[in-house]
Amino acid sequence: MTEVATGRDITLSWDVLVTPGIPAVTSDLAPGTNQLMWSPMSSTLISGKRDAVLVDTFITVKQADILMDWVAASGKNLTTIYVTHGHGDHFFGIGALLDRFPDARAVATPDVVKLMRQQASPDVLANFWKPAVSSSNPGSPRDRRRTQAKCDRSRRVRLGRRGSRPY
């Protein structure tokens, strides 16, 4: 856990949970390669004295279960799950987290929510995510209806600097 003091006697802490890579299923392996692996994934918990914000979730049910236990073990009140971008490996765990932490809310920029909806569409789930992940892992992306419902519940937020200039 890393801590930093702000200018107002408020201490913020952050901790990062990194998952090991998981096998990916593909018929397009490089010569001499037996197995393609997903890169390790990370989620960051940023917390103050009582509350916390989680940055990104994971892809499989097993990873989501580990993440939920890790957040709960922090003893902090999870208020927000911030999704950095709309690829499924950054938000498929939202459903489980919002079920376990019902007072939390998922937030993302409008462009991220748009991509989340595409990634959670029946076509993309069936033709990309399910073949690429679930065949090789005991965990799999949450079912389509649940994932789509959580995408629809995600609150769109605009990010910017002081004034009106966006990042």
Protein backbone atom coordinates (compact mmCIF):
# COMPACT_ATOMS: atom_id res chain seq x y z
CA MET A 1 0.00 0.00 0.00
CA THR A 2 1.33 3.41 -0.94
CA GLU A 3 0.26 6.62 0.80
CA VAL A 4 0.50 10.25 -0.20
CA ALA A 5 -0.54 13.33 1.77
CA THR A 6 -2.59 15.97 0.01
CA GLY A 7 -2.43 19.66 0.84
CA ARG A 8 -5.47 19.42 3.11
CA ASP A 9 -4.35 16.85 5.68
CA ILE A 10 -6.10 14.14 3.70
CA THR A 11 -4.12 10.98 3.13
CA LEU A 12 -4.81 8.94 0.03
CA SER A 13 -3.57 5.40 -0.32
CA TRP A 14 -3.44 3.11 -3.28
CA ASP A 15 -2.83 -0.56 -3.73
CA VAL A 16 -2.62 -2.59 -6.92
CA LEU A 17 -3.81 -6.16 -7.45
CA VAL A 18 -2.24 -7.89 -10.44
CA THR A 19 -3.58 -11.15 -11.84
CA PRO A 20 -1.35 -13.66 -13.56
CA GLY A 21 -1.83 -14.10 -17.29
CA ILE A 22 -4.54 -16.52 -18.34
CA PRO A 23 -4.50 -18.83 -21.36
CA ALA A 24 -6.11 -17.45 -24.50
CA VAL A 25 -7.61 -19.73 -27.12
CA THR A 26 -6.51 -19.09 -30.69
CA SER A 27 -5.66 -21.10 -33.78
CA ASP A 28 -3.28 -18.34 -34.91
CA LEU A 29 -0.15 -19.15 -32.90
CA ALA A 30 3.31 -17.98 -33.92
CA PRO A 31 5.66 -20.76 -35.03
CA GLY A 32 7.15 -22.56 -32.03
CA THR A 33 4.47 -21.22 -29.66
CA ASN A 34 2.32 -23.74 -27.81
CA GLN A 35 0.05 -21.38 -25.87
CA LEU A 36 -0.95 -17.73 -26.14
CA MET A 37 -1.41 -15.96 -22.80
CA TRP A 38 -3.33 -12.81 -21.92
CA SER A 39 -1.15 -10.22 -20.31
CA PRO A 40 -1.44 -9.92 -16.54
CA MET A 41 -4.21 -7.49 -15.60
CA SER A 42 -4.33 -4.98 -12.76
CA SER A 43 -6.91 -3.16 -10.68
CA THR A 44 -6.05 -0.23 -8.43
CA LEU A 45 -7.83 0.62 -5.18
CA ILE A 46 -7.50 4.29 -4.25
CA SER A 47 -8.73 5.05 -0.76
CA GLY A 48 -9.07 7.72 1.86
CA LYS A 49 -9.91 7.25 5.52
CA ARG A 50 -13.25 5.50 4.88
CA ASP A 51 -14.06 5.29 1.17
CA ALA A 52 -12.42 3.81 -1.91
CA VAL A 53 -12.50 3.96 -5.69
CA LEU A 54 -11.60 0.89 -7.76
CA VAL A 55 -9.97 1.45 -11.14
CA ASP A 56 -10.87 -1.34 -13.62
CA THR A 57 -12.02 -4.90 -12.99
CA PHE A 58 -10.98 -8.25 -14.43
CA ILE A 59 -12.28 -10.62 -17.08
CA THR A 60 -13.13 -14.00 -15.54
CA VAL A 61 -15.47 -15.06 -12.76
CA LYS A 62 -12.53 -16.48 -10.78
CA GLN A 63 -10.62 -13.19 -11.10
CA ALA A 64 -13.72 -11.19 -10.13
CA ASP A 65 -14.14 -13.32 -7.00
CA ILE A 66 -10.52 -12.67 -6.00
CA LEU A 67 -10.95 -8.96 -6.68
CA MET A 68 -14.13 -8.73 -4.59
CA ASP A 69 -12.45 -10.44 -1.63
CA TRP A 70 -9.41 -8.14 -1.99
CA VAL A 71 -11.61 -5.02 -1.97
CA ALA A 72 -13.63 -6.31 0.99
CA ALA A 73 -10.44 -7.10 2.92
CA SER A 74 -9.39 -3.45 2.60
CA GLY A 75 -12.18 -2.54 5.03
CA LYS A 76 -13.03 0.50 2.89
CA ASN A 77 -16.44 1.52 1.61
CA LEU A 78 -16.33 1.03 -2.17
CA THR A 79 -18.13 4.03 -3.65
CA THR A 80 -17.04 3.96 -7.28
CA ILE A 81 -15.69 1.66 -9.97
CA TYR A 82 -13.97 3.68 -12.68
CA VAL A 83 -13.49 1.98 -16.06
CA THR A 84 -10.47 3.35 -17.92
CA HIS A 85 -11.43 2.00 -21.32
CA GLY A 86 -14.06 -0.18 -22.89
CA HIS A 87 -12.32 -3.49 -23.57
CA GLY A 88 -14.01 -6.37 -21.76
CA ASP A 89 -10.91 -7.25 -19.78
CA HIS A 90 -11.34 -3.94 -17.93
CA PHE A 91 -15.04 -4.19 -17.05
CA PHE A 92 -16.54 -7.69 -17.27
CA GLY A 93 -16.15 -7.98 -13.48
CA ILE A 94 -18.44 -5.00 -12.83
CA GLY A 95 -21.56 -7.16 -12.46
CA ALA A 96 -20.13 -9.19 -9.61
CA LEU A 97 -18.67 -6.13 -7.88
CA LEU A 98 -21.93 -4.17 -8.02
CA ASP A 99 -23.77 -7.20 -6.66
CA ARG A 100 -21.33 -7.48 -3.75
CA PHE A 101 -21.05 -3.71 -3.21
CA PRO A 102 -24.56 -2.47 -4.12
CA ASP A 103 -23.95 1.13 -3.02
CA ALA A 104 -21.03 1.53 -5.44
CA ARG A 105 -21.54 2.99 -8.88
CA ALA A 106 -19.72 2.30 -12.12
CA VAL A 107 -18.48 5.34 -14.03
CA ALA A 108 -16.77 5.88 -17.37
CA THR A 109 -16.51 8.55 -20.01
CA PRO A 110 -19.17 8.55 -22.76
CA ASP A 111 -16.71 7.13 -25.32
CA VAL A 112 -15.75 4.33 -22.94
CA VAL A 113 -19.42 3.45 -22.28
CA LYS A 114 -19.99 3.30 -26.06
CA LEU A 115 -17.14 0.80 -26.48
CA MET A 116 -18.31 -1.17 -23.41
CA ARG A 117 -21.69 -1.63 -25.06
CA GLN A 118 -20.02 -2.86 -28.25
CA GLN A 119 -17.77 -5.27 -26.31
CA ALA A 120 -20.78 -6.64 -24.39
CA SER A 121 -22.93 -7.07 -27.51
CA PRO A 122 -24.11 -10.61 -28.28
CA ASP A 123 -22.01 -10.69 -31.46
CA VAL A 124 -18.71 -9.65 -29.84
CA LEU A 125 -19.26 -11.88 -26.80
CA ALA A 126 -20.06 -14.89 -28.97
CA ASN A 127 -17.42 -14.37 -31.65
CA PHE A 128 -14.50 -12.91 -29.71
CA TRP A 129 -14.67 -13.18 -25.93
CA LYS A 130 -16.23 -16.60 -25.48
CA PRO A 131 -13.90 -18.41 -27.90
CA ALA A 132 -10.82 -16.47 -26.75
CA VAL A 133 -11.27 -16.88 -23.01
CA SER A 134 -13.92 -19.21 -21.65
CA SER A 135 -12.80 -22.42 -23.34
CA SER A 136 -9.48 -22.40 -21.49
CA ASN A 137 -10.51 -21.06 -18.11
CA PRO A 138 -12.74 -22.27 -15.30
CA GLY A 139 -13.97 -18.68 -15.08
CA SER A 140 -15.54 -16.92 -18.04
CA PRO A 141 -17.01 -13.52 -18.83
CA ARG A 142 -20.25 -12.92 -16.96
CA ASP A 143 -23.31 -13.83 -18.98
CA ARG A 144 -24.36 -11.42 -21.72
CA ARG A 145 -27.56 -10.09 -20.13
CA ARG A 146 -25.85 -9.31 -16.84
CA THR A 147 -22.87 -7.66 -18.52
CA GLN A 148 -25.10 -5.60 -20.83
CA ALA A 149 -27.29 -4.53 -17.90
CA LYS A 150 -24.25 -3.31 -15.98
CA CYS A 151 -23.03 -1.43 -19.09
CA ASP A 152 -26.39 0.28 -19.31
CA ARG A 153 -26.16 1.22 -15.60
CA SER A 154 -22.68 2.71 -16.01
CA ARG A 155 -22.82 6.41 -15.40
CA ARG A 156 -21.25 8.55 -18.07
CA VAL A 157 -18.87 11.15 -16.76
CA ARG A 158 -16.90 13.77 -18.61
CA LEU A 159 -13.32 14.27 -17.60
CA GLY A 160 -11.45 17.50 -18.03
CA ARG A 161 -9.17 20.05 -16.48
CA ARG A 162 -10.18 23.27 -14.85
CA GLY A 163 -12.27 25.21 -17.30
CA SER A 164 -13.72 23.55 -20.35
CA ARG A 165 -10.68 22.07 -22.07
CA PRO A 166 -10.98 18.27 -22.20
CA TYR A 167 -8.04 15.94 -21.79
